[in-house]
PDB file of all heavy atoms in Angstrom:
ATOM      1  N   ARG A   1     -84.127 -61.729 -43.493  1.00  0.00           N
ATOM      2  CA  ARG A   1     -85.118 -62.738 -42.916  1.00  0.00           C
ATOM      3  C   ARG A   1     -84.455 -64.128 -42.948  1.00  0.00           C
ATOM      4  O   ARG A   1     -84.686 -64.956 -42.240  1.00  0.00           O
ATOM      5  CB  ARG A   1     -86.353 -62.700 -43.745  1.00  0.00           C
ATOM      6  CG  ARG A   1     -87.441 -63.611 -43.367  1.00  0.00           C
ATOM      7  CD  ARG A   1     -87.962 -63.294 -41.938  1.00  0.00           C
ATOM      8  NE  ARG A   1     -88.819 -64.441 -41.562  1.00  0.00           N
ATOM      9  CZ  ARG A   1     -89.842 -64.230 -40.679  1.00  0.00           C
ATOM     10  NH1 ARG A   1     -90.102 -63.066 -40.201  1.00  0.00           N
ATOM     11  NH2 ARG A   1     -90.604 -65.259 -40.371  1.00  0.00           N
ATOM     12  N   TYR A   2     -83.862 -64.455 -44.303  1.00  0.00           N
ATOM     13  CA  TYR A   2     -83.143 -65.631 -44.361  1.00  0.00           C
ATOM     14  C   TYR A   2     -82.018 -65.782 -43.135  1.00  0.00           C
ATOM     15  O   TYR A   2     -81.916 -66.852 -42.633  1.00  0.00           O
ATOM     16  CB  TYR A   2     -82.376 -65.869 -45.755  1.00  0.00           C
ATOM     17  CG  TYR A   2     -83.487 -66.450 -46.744  1.00  0.00           C
ATOM     18  CD1 TYR A   2     -83.764 -65.545 -47.869  1.00  0.00           C
ATOM     19  CD2 TYR A   2     -84.086 -67.744 -46.737  1.00  0.00           C
ATOM     20  CE1 TYR A   2     -84.633 -65.985 -48.855  1.00  0.00           C
ATOM     21  CE2 TYR A   2     -84.762 -68.088 -47.678  1.00  0.00           C
ATOM     22  CZ  TYR A   2     -85.167 -67.328 -48.784  1.00  0.00           C
ATOM     23  OH  TYR A   2     -85.946 -67.746 -49.690  1.00  0.00           O
ATOM     24  N   ALA A   3     -81.415 -64.757 -42.964  1.00  0.00           N
ATOM     25  CA  ALA A   3     -80.219 -64.675 -41.956  1.00  0.00           C
ATOM     26  C   ALA A   3     -80.935 -65.025 -40.598  1.00  0.00           C
ATOM     27  O   ALA A   3     -80.364 -65.847 -39.763  1.00  0.00           O
ATOM     28  CB  ALA A   3     -79.524 -63.420 -41.838  1.00  0.00           C
ATOM     29  N   ALA A   4     -82.123 -64.390 -40.344  1.00  0.00           N
ATOM     30  CA  ALA A   4     -82.724 -64.733 -38.968  1.00  0.00           C
ATOM     31  C   ALA A   4     -83.087 -66.148 -38.910  1.00  0.00           C
ATOM     32  O   ALA A   4     -82.865 -66.811 -37.826  1.00  0.00           O
ATOM     33  CB  ALA A   4     -83.957 -63.822 -38.844  1.00  0.00           C
ATOM     34  N   CYS A   5     -83.700 -66.718 -40.047  1.00  0.00           N
ATOM     35  CA  CYS A   5     -84.015 -68.154 -39.951  1.00  0.00           C
ATOM     36  C   CYS A   5     -82.714 -69.007 -39.751  1.00  0.00           C
ATOM     37  O   CYS A   5     -82.882 -69.943 -38.908  1.00  0.00           O
ATOM     38  CB  CYS A   5     -84.719 -68.571 -41.339  1.00  0.00           C
ATOM     39  SG  CYS A   5     -86.305 -67.991 -41.489  1.00  0.00           S
ATOM     40  N   PHE A   6     -81.659 -68.770 -40.445  1.00  0.00           N
ATOM     41  CA  PHE A   6     -80.398 -69.523 -40.261  1.00  0.00           C
ATOM     42  C   PHE A   6     -79.901 -69.348 -38.922  1.00  0.00           C
ATOM     43  O   PHE A   6     -79.531 -70.455 -38.283  1.00  0.00           O
ATOM     44  CB  PHE A   6     -79.459 -69.075 -41.365  1.00  0.00           C
ATOM     45  CG  PHE A   6     -78.150 -69.936 -41.323  1.00  0.00           C
ATOM     46  CD1 PHE A   6     -78.077 -71.175 -41.797  1.00  0.00           C
ATOM     47  CD2 PHE A   6     -77.074 -69.481 -40.479  1.00  0.00           C
ATOM     48  CE1 PHE A   6     -76.975 -71.913 -41.615  1.00  0.00           C
ATOM     49  CE2 PHE A   6     -75.895 -70.196 -40.402  1.00  0.00           C
ATOM     50  CZ  PHE A   6     -75.829 -71.432 -41.059  1.00  0.00           C
ATOM     51  N   ALA A   7     -79.791 -68.193 -38.399  1.00  0.00           N
ATOM     52  CA  ALA A   7     -79.225 -67.956 -37.089  1.00  0.00           C
ATOM     53  C   ALA A   7     -79.981 -68.676 -36.027  1.00  0.00           C
ATOM     54  O   ALA A   7     -79.473 -69.212 -35.116  1.00  0.00           O
ATOM     55  CB  ALA A   7     -79.120 -66.511 -36.808  1.00  0.00           C
ATOM     56  N   ALA A   8     -81.409 -68.688 -36.086  1.00  0.00           N
ATOM     57  CA  ALA A   8     -82.169 -69.238 -35.081  1.00  0.00           C
ATOM     58  C   ALA A   8     -82.070 -70.797 -35.244  1.00  0.00           C
ATOM     59  O   ALA A   8     -81.970 -71.485 -34.126  1.00  0.00           O
ATOM     60  CB  ALA A   8     -83.734 -69.003 -35.388  1.00  0.00           C
ATOM     61  N   LYS A   9     -81.884 -71.393 -36.453  1.00  0.00           N
ATOM     62  CA  LYS A   9     -81.576 -72.891 -36.518  1.00  0.00           C
ATOM     63  C   LYS A   9     -80.334 -73.228 -35.891  1.00  0.00           C
ATOM     64  O   LYS A   9     -80.235 -74.185 -35.146  1.00  0.00           O
ATOM     65  CB  LYS A   9     -81.643 -73.284 -38.069  1.00  0.00           C
ATOM     66  CG  LYS A   9     -83.011 -73.139 -38.704  1.00  0.00           C
ATOM     67  CD  LYS A   9     -82.764 -73.221 -40.152  1.00  0.00           C
ATOM     68  CE  LYS A   9     -84.003 -73.111 -40.956  1.00  0.00           C
ATOM     69  NZ  LYS A   9     -85.030 -74.222 -40.810  1.00  0.00           N
ATOM     70  N   GLU A  10     -79.236 -72.514 -36.259  1.00  0.00           N
ATOM     71  CA  GLU A  10     -77.937 -72.825 -35.653  1.00  0.00           C
ATOM     72  C   GLU A  10     -77.865 -72.688 -34.159  1.00  0.00           C
ATOM     73  O   GLU A  10     -77.342 -73.458 -33.485  1.00  0.00           O
ATOM     74  CB  GLU A  10     -76.950 -71.804 -36.222  1.00  0.00           C
ATOM     75  CG  GLU A  10     -76.410 -72.296 -37.593  1.00  0.00           C
ATOM     76  CD  GLU A  10     -75.313 -73.289 -37.565  1.00  0.00           C
ATOM     77  OE1 GLU A  10     -74.445 -73.299 -36.555  1.00  0.00           O
ATOM     78  OE2 GLU A  10     -75.309 -74.123 -38.377  1.00  0.00           O
ATOM     79  N   ALA A  11     -78.528 -71.551 -33.647  1.00  0.00           N
ATOM     80  CA  ALA A  11     -78.552 -71.416 -32.277  1.00  0.00           C
ATOM     81  C   ALA A  11     -79.360 -72.514 -31.533  1.00  0.00           C
ATOM     82  O   ALA A  11     -78.899 -72.962 -30.446  1.00  0.00           O
ATOM     83  CB  ALA A  11     -79.101 -70.015 -31.867  1.00  0.00           C
ATOM     84  N   THR A  12     -80.450 -72.940 -32.073  1.00  0.00           N
ATOM     85  CA  THR A  12     -81.080 -74.064 -31.511  1.00  0.00           C
ATOM     86  C   THR A  12     -80.389 -75.339 -31.536  1.00  0.00           C
ATOM     87  O   THR A  12     -80.363 -76.045 -30.535  1.00  0.00           O
ATOM     88  CB  THR A  12     -82.497 -74.275 -32.322  1.00  0.00           C
ATOM     89  OG1 THR A  12     -83.305 -73.055 -32.313  1.00  0.00           O
ATOM     90  CG2 THR A  12     -83.272 -75.339 -31.673  1.00  0.00           C
ATOM     91  N   LEU A  13     -79.700 -75.718 -32.548  1.00  0.00           N
ATOM     92  CA  LEU A  13     -78.945 -76.811 -32.606  1.00  0.00           C
ATOM     93  C   LEU A  13     -77.802 -76.900 -31.606  1.00  0.00           C
ATOM     94  O   LEU A  13     -77.500 -77.891 -31.037  1.00  0.00           O
ATOM     95  CB  LEU A  13     -78.494 -77.238 -34.074  1.00  0.00           C
ATOM     96  CG  LEU A  13     -79.659 -77.518 -35.033  1.00  0.00           C
ATOM     97  CD1 LEU A  13     -79.230 -77.576 -36.483  1.00  0.00           C
ATOM     98  CD2 LEU A  13     -80.422 -78.773 -34.657  1.00  0.00           C
ATOM     99  N   LYS A  14     -77.142 -75.753 -31.610  1.00  0.00           N
ATOM    100  CA  LYS A  14     -76.103 -75.512 -30.571  1.00  0.00           C
ATOM    101  C   LYS A  14     -76.496 -75.649 -29.005  1.00  0.00           C
ATOM    102  O   LYS A  14     -75.927 -76.313 -28.283  1.00  0.00           O
ATOM    103  CB  LYS A  14     -75.377 -74.176 -30.762  1.00  0.00           C
ATOM    104  CG  LYS A  14     -74.643 -74.026 -31.980  1.00  0.00           C
ATOM    105  CD  LYS A  14     -74.032 -72.752 -32.165  1.00  0.00           C
ATOM    106  CE  LYS A  14     -73.264 -72.617 -33.567  1.00  0.00           C
ATOM    107  NZ  LYS A  14     -72.933 -71.115 -33.644  1.00  0.00           N
ATOM    108  N   ALA A  15     -77.768 -75.125 -28.821  1.00  0.00           N
ATOM    109  CA  ALA A  15     -78.241 -75.188 -27.465  1.00  0.00           C
ATOM    110  C   ALA A  15     -78.678 -76.691 -27.043  1.00  0.00           C
ATOM    111  O   ALA A  15     -78.416 -77.206 -25.934  1.00  0.00           O
ATOM    112  CB  ALA A  15     -79.713 -74.334 -27.410  1.00  0.00           C
ATOM    113  N   ILE A  16     -79.162 -77.445 -28.061  1.00  0.00           N
ATOM    114  CA  ILE A  16     -79.347 -78.846 -27.849  1.00  0.00           C
ATOM    115  C   ILE A  16     -78.184 -79.749 -27.713  1.00  0.00           C
ATOM    116  O   ILE A  16     -78.087 -80.697 -27.126  1.00  0.00           O
ATOM    117  CB  ILE A  16     -80.348 -79.330 -28.934  1.00  0.00           C
ATOM    118  CG1 ILE A  16     -81.672 -78.691 -28.954  1.00  0.00           C
ATOM    119  CG2 ILE A  16     -80.531 -80.949 -28.931  1.00  0.00           C
ATOM    120  CD1 ILE A  16     -82.465 -78.956 -30.277  1.00  0.00           C
ATOM    121  N   GLY A  17     -77.164 -79.253 -28.341  1.00  0.00           N
ATOM    122  CA  GLY A  17     -75.831 -79.898 -28.359  1.00  0.00           C
ATOM    123  C   GLY A  17     -75.862 -81.150 -29.269  1.00  0.00           C
ATOM    124  O   GLY A  17     -75.272 -82.163 -29.060  1.00  0.00           O
ATOM    125  N   ILE A  18     -76.598 -80.997 -30.395  1.00  0.00           N
ATOM    126  CA  ILE A  18     -76.811 -82.124 -31.321  1.00  0.00           C
ATOM    127  C   ILE A  18     -75.808 -82.018 -32.499  1.00  0.00           C
ATOM    128  O   ILE A  18     -75.592 -80.934 -32.977  1.00  0.00           O
ATOM    129  CB  ILE A  18     -78.268 -82.070 -31.685  1.00  0.00           C
ATOM    130  CG1 ILE A  18     -78.635 -83.452 -32.349  1.00  0.00           C
ATOM    131  CG2 ILE A  18     -78.608 -80.971 -32.666  1.00  0.00           C
ATOM    132  CD1 ILE A  18     -80.191 -83.573 -32.551  1.00  0.00           C
ATOM    133  N   GLU A  19     -75.396 -83.160 -32.924  1.00  0.00           N
ATOM    134  CA  GLU A  19     -74.498 -83.120 -34.129  1.00  0.00           C
ATOM    135  C   GLU A  19     -75.428 -83.117 -35.380  1.00  0.00           C
ATOM    136  O   GLU A  19     -76.538 -83.681 -35.281  1.00  0.00           O
ATOM    137  CB  GLU A  19     -73.678 -84.393 -34.220  1.00  0.00           C
ATOM    138  CG  GLU A  19     -72.577 -84.454 -33.147  1.00  0.00           C
ATOM    139  CD  GLU A  19     -71.670 -85.610 -33.335  1.00  0.00           C
ATOM    140  OE1 GLU A  19     -71.424 -85.968 -34.557  1.00  0.00           O
ATOM    141  OE2 GLU A  19     -71.069 -86.097 -32.388  1.00  0.00           O
ATOM    142  N   ILE A  20     -74.950 -82.469 -36.405  1.00  0.00           N
ATOM    143  CA  ILE A  20     -75.855 -82.326 -37.627  1.00  0.00           C
ATOM    144  C   ILE A  20     -75.350 -83.289 -38.627  1.00  0.00           C
ATOM    145  O   ILE A  20     -74.415 -82.950 -39.491  1.00  0.00           O
ATOM    146  CB  ILE A  20     -75.643 -80.872 -38.055  1.00  0.00           C
ATOM    147  CG1 ILE A  20     -76.125 -79.890 -36.946  1.00  0.00           C
ATOM    148  CG2 ILE A  20     -76.609 -80.657 -39.231  1.00  0.00           C
ATOM    149  CD1 ILE A  20     -75.710 -78.507 -37.132  1.00  0.00           C
ATOM    150  N   PRO A  21     -76.009 -84.428 -38.835  1.00  0.00           N
ATOM    151  CA  PRO A  21     -75.600 -85.432 -39.868  1.00  0.00           C
ATOM    152  C   PRO A  21     -75.874 -85.063 -41.308  1.00  0.00           C
ATOM    153  O   PRO A  21     -75.183 -85.625 -42.183  1.00  0.00           O
ATOM    154  CB  PRO A  21     -76.255 -86.664 -39.334  1.00  0.00           C
ATOM    155  CG  PRO A  21     -77.565 -86.235 -38.720  1.00  0.00           C
ATOM    156  CD  PRO A  21     -77.123 -84.865 -38.052  1.00  0.00           C
ATOM    157  N   ASP A  22     -76.822 -84.205 -41.472  1.00  0.00           N
ATOM    158  CA  ASP A  22     -77.344 -83.940 -42.818  1.00  0.00           C
ATOM    159  C   ASP A  22     -78.062 -82.566 -42.805  1.00  0.00           C
ATOM    160  O   ASP A  22     -78.553 -82.171 -41.800  1.00  0.00           O
ATOM    161  CB  ASP A  22     -78.151 -85.024 -43.420  1.00  0.00           C
ATOM    162  CG  ASP A  22     -79.273 -85.360 -42.462  1.00  0.00           C
ATOM    163  OD1 ASP A  22     -80.122 -84.577 -42.107  1.00  0.00           O
ATOM    164  OD2 ASP A  22     -79.419 -86.566 -42.153  1.00  0.00           O
ATOM    165  N   LEU A  23     -78.243 -81.954 -43.910  1.00  0.00           N
ATOM    166  CA  LEU A  23     -78.953 -80.748 -44.037  1.00  0.00           C
ATOM    167  C   LEU A  23     -80.503 -80.815 -43.698  1.00  0.00           C
ATOM    168  O   LEU A  23     -81.036 -79.802 -43.295  1.00  0.00           O
ATOM    169  CB  LEU A  23     -78.888 -80.183 -45.529  1.00  0.00           C
ATOM    170  CG  LEU A  23     -77.428 -79.661 -45.973  1.00  0.00           C
ATOM    171  CD1 LEU A  23     -77.459 -79.061 -47.272  1.00  0.00           C
ATOM    172  CD2 LEU A  23     -76.937 -78.627 -45.000  1.00  0.00           C
ATOM    173  N   ALA A  24     -81.028 -81.983 -43.782  1.00  0.00           N
ATOM    174  CA  ALA A  24     -82.442 -82.159 -43.534  1.00  0.00           C
ATOM    175  C   ALA A  24     -82.722 -81.775 -42.022  1.00  0.00           C
ATOM    176  O   ALA A  24     -83.765 -81.308 -41.784  1.00  0.00           O
ATOM    177  CB  ALA A  24     -82.845 -83.605 -43.734  1.00  0.00           C
ATOM    178  N   MET A  25     -81.796 -81.941 -41.148  1.00  0.00           N
ATOM    179  CA  MET A  25     -81.892 -81.585 -39.823  1.00  0.00           C
ATOM    180  C   MET A  25     -82.227 -80.148 -39.612  1.00  0.00           C
ATOM    181  O   MET A  25     -83.012 -79.661 -38.775  1.00  0.00           O
ATOM    182  CB  MET A  25     -80.710 -81.996 -38.994  1.00  0.00           C
ATOM    183  CG  MET A  25     -80.891 -81.737 -37.363  1.00  0.00           C
ATOM    184  SD  MET A  25     -79.691 -82.555 -36.437  1.00  0.00           S
ATOM    185  CE  MET A  25     -80.431 -84.168 -36.326  1.00  0.00           C
ATOM    186  N   PHE A  26     -81.692 -79.254 -40.475  1.00  0.00           N
ATOM    187  CA  PHE A  26     -81.960 -77.806 -40.420  1.00  0.00           C
ATOM    188  C   PHE A  26     -83.435 -77.513 -40.758  1.00  0.00           C
ATOM    189  O   PHE A  26     -84.023 -76.641 -40.097  1.00  0.00           O
ATOM    190  CB  PHE A  26     -81.119 -77.024 -41.362  1.00  0.00           C
ATOM    191  CG  PHE A  26     -79.695 -76.807 -40.998  1.00  0.00           C
ATOM    192  CD1 PHE A  26     -78.661 -77.659 -41.455  1.00  0.00           C
ATOM    193  CD2 PHE A  26     -79.299 -75.748 -40.103  1.00  0.00           C
ATOM    194  CE1 PHE A  26     -77.358 -77.436 -41.040  1.00  0.00           C
ATOM    195  CE2 PHE A  26     -78.071 -75.511 -39.671  1.00  0.00           C
ATOM    196  CZ  PHE A  26     -77.089 -76.362 -40.117  1.00  0.00           C
ATOM    197  N   ARG A  27     -84.023 -78.297 -41.449  1.00  0.00           N
ATOM    198  CA  ARG A  27     -85.510 -78.088 -41.762  1.00  0.00           C
ATOM    199  C   ARG A  27     -86.418 -78.660 -40.732  1.00  0.00           C
ATOM    200  O   ARG A  27     -87.511 -78.421 -40.677  1.00  0.00           O
ATOM    201  CB  ARG A  27     -85.868 -78.952 -43.066  1.00  0.00           C
ATOM    202  CG  ARG A  27     -85.154 -78.290 -44.342  1.00  0.00           C
ATOM    203  CD  ARG A  27     -85.716 -78.790 -45.696  1.00  0.00           C
ATOM    204  NE  ARG A  27     -85.556 -80.141 -45.777  1.00  0.00           N
ATOM    205  CZ  ARG A  27     -84.507 -80.887 -46.223  1.00  0.00           C
ATOM    206  NH1 ARG A  27     -83.464 -80.081 -46.640  1.00  0.00           N
ATOM    207  NH2 ARG A  27     -84.438 -82.166 -46.356  1.00  0.00           N
ATOM    208  N   GLU A  28     -85.722 -79.348 -39.664  1.00  0.00           N
ATOM    209  CA  GLU A  28     -86.503 -79.862 -38.529  1.00  0.00           C
ATOM    210  C   GLU A  28     -86.614 -78.678 -37.501  1.00  0.00           C
ATOM    211  O   GLU A  28     -87.300 -78.908 -36.438  1.00  0.00           O
ATOM    212  CB  GLU A  28     -85.834 -81.025 -37.873  1.00  0.00           C
ATOM    213  CG  GLU A  28     -85.911 -82.208 -38.793  1.00  0.00           C
ATOM    214  CD  GLU A  28     -85.151 -83.469 -38.328  1.00  0.00           C
ATOM    215  OE1 GLU A  28     -84.783 -83.495 -37.135  1.00  0.00           O
ATOM    216  OE2 GLU A  28     -84.976 -84.287 -39.123  1.00  0.00           O
ATOM    217  N   VAL A  29     -86.079 -77.506 -37.703  1.00  0.00           N
ATOM    218  CA  VAL A  29     -86.254 -76.282 -36.918  1.00  0.00           C
ATOM    219  C   VAL A  29     -86.755 -75.299 -37.805  1.00  0.00           C
ATOM    220  O   VAL A  29     -86.009 -74.889 -38.779  1.00  0.00           O
ATOM    221  CB  VAL A  29     -84.792 -75.859 -36.306  1.00  0.00           C
ATOM    222  CG1 VAL A  29     -85.034 -74.655 -35.446  1.00  0.00           C
ATOM    223  CG2 VAL A  29     -84.245 -76.998 -35.550  1.00  0.00           C
ATOM    224  N   GLU A  30     -87.914 -74.751 -37.535  1.00  0.00           N
ATOM    225  CA  GLU A  30     -88.465 -73.683 -38.364  1.00  0.00           C
ATOM    226  C   GLU A  30     -88.784 -72.465 -37.555  1.00  0.00           C
ATOM    227  O   GLU A  30     -89.366 -72.485 -36.511  1.00  0.00           O
ATOM    228  CB  GLU A  30     -89.749 -74.249 -38.932  1.00  0.00           C
ATOM    229  CG  GLU A  30     -90.450 -73.325 -39.863  1.00  0.00           C
ATOM    230  CD  GLU A  30     -91.776 -73.867 -40.496  1.00  0.00           C
ATOM    231  OE1 GLU A  30     -91.703 -75.009 -40.769  1.00  0.00           O
ATOM    232  OE2 GLU A  30     -92.663 -73.029 -40.648  1.00  0.00           O
ATOM    233  N   LEU A  31     -88.360 -71.334 -38.111  1.00  0.00           N
ATOM    234  CA  LEU A  31     -88.595 -70.030 -37.501  1.00  0.00           C
ATOM    235  C   LEU A  31     -90.015 -69.589 -37.974  1.00  0.00           C
ATOM    236  O   LEU A  31     -90.289 -69.500 -39.209  1.00  0.00           O
ATOM    237  CB  LEU A  31     -87.631 -68.991 -37.910  1.00  0.00           C
ATOM    238  CG  LEU A  31     -87.869 -67.564 -37.501  1.00  0.00           C
ATOM    239  CD1 LEU A  31     -87.704 -67.547 -35.879  1.00  0.00           C
ATOM    240  CD2 LEU A  31     -86.731 -66.642 -37.981  1.00  0.00           C
ATOM    241  N   GLY A  32     -90.892 -69.314 -37.028  1.00  0.00           N
ATOM    242  CA  GLY A  32     -92.263 -68.796 -37.366  1.00  0.00           C
ATOM    243  C   GLY A  32     -92.605 -67.648 -36.517  1.00  0.00           C
ATOM    244  O   GLY A  32     -91.734 -67.071 -35.935  1.00  0.00           O
ATOM    245  N   GLU A  33     -93.827 -67.243 -36.653  1.00  0.00           N
ATOM    246  CA  GLU A  33     -94.254 -66.180 -35.902  1.00  0.00           C
ATOM    247  C   GLU A  33     -95.694 -66.409 -35.353  1.00  0.00           C
ATOM    248  O   GLU A  33     -96.533 -67.096 -35.990  1.00  0.00           O
ATOM    249  CB  GLU A  33     -94.411 -64.802 -36.747  1.00  0.00           C
ATOM    250  CG  GLU A  33     -93.092 -64.306 -37.214  1.00  0.00           C
ATOM    251  CD  GLU A  33     -93.246 -63.032 -38.133  1.00  0.00           C
ATOM    252  OE1 GLU A  33     -94.313 -62.656 -38.310  1.00  0.00           O
ATOM    253  OE2 GLU A  33     -92.192 -62.579 -38.571  1.00  0.00           O
ATOM    254  N   ASP A  34     -95.946 -65.917 -34.077  1.00  0.00           N
ATOM    255  CA  ASP A  34     -97.329 -66.032 -33.691  1.00  0.00           C
ATOM    256  C   ASP A  34     -98.212 -64.925 -34.195  1.00  0.00           C
ATOM    257  O   ASP A  34     -97.741 -64.136 -35.054  1.00  0.00           O
ATOM    258  CB  ASP A  34     -97.428 -66.128 -32.112  1.00  0.00           C
ATOM    259  CG  ASP A  34     -96.911 -64.716 -31.381  1.00  0.00           C
ATOM    260  OD1 ASP A  34     -96.865 -63.788 -32.047  1.00  0.00           O
ATOM    261  OD2 ASP A  34     -96.655 -64.936 -30.228  1.00  0.00           O
ATOM    262  N   ARG A  35     -99.468 -64.825 -33.705  1.00  0.00           N
ATOM    263  CA  ARG A  35    -100.434 -63.723 -34.253  1.00  0.00           C
ATOM    264  C   ARG A  35     -99.913 -62.354 -33.997  1.00  0.00           C
ATOM    265  O   ARG A  35    -100.336 -61.408 -34.665  1.00  0.00           O
ATOM    266  CB  ARG A  35    -101.696 -64.066 -33.676  1.00  0.00           C
ATOM    267  CG  ARG A  35    -102.329 -65.305 -34.100  1.00  0.00           C
ATOM    268  CD  ARG A  35    -103.649 -65.556 -33.436  1.00  0.00           C
ATOM    269  NE  ARG A  35    -104.121 -66.886 -33.688  1.00  0.00           N
ATOM    270  CZ  ARG A  35    -105.275 -67.290 -34.139  1.00  0.00           C
ATOM    271  NH1 ARG A  35    -106.176 -66.352 -34.292  1.00  0.00           N
ATOM    272  NH2 ARG A  35    -105.576 -68.552 -34.342  1.00  0.00           N
TER     273      ARG A  35
END
């Protein structure tokens, strides 16, 4: 589950093409689930 969260965060940041200046940016992408 942690791996899924991490991979989703990394893939999102790569898709956006954004540089990662600090670890806080990873917390700005959260993996969730709908109902």
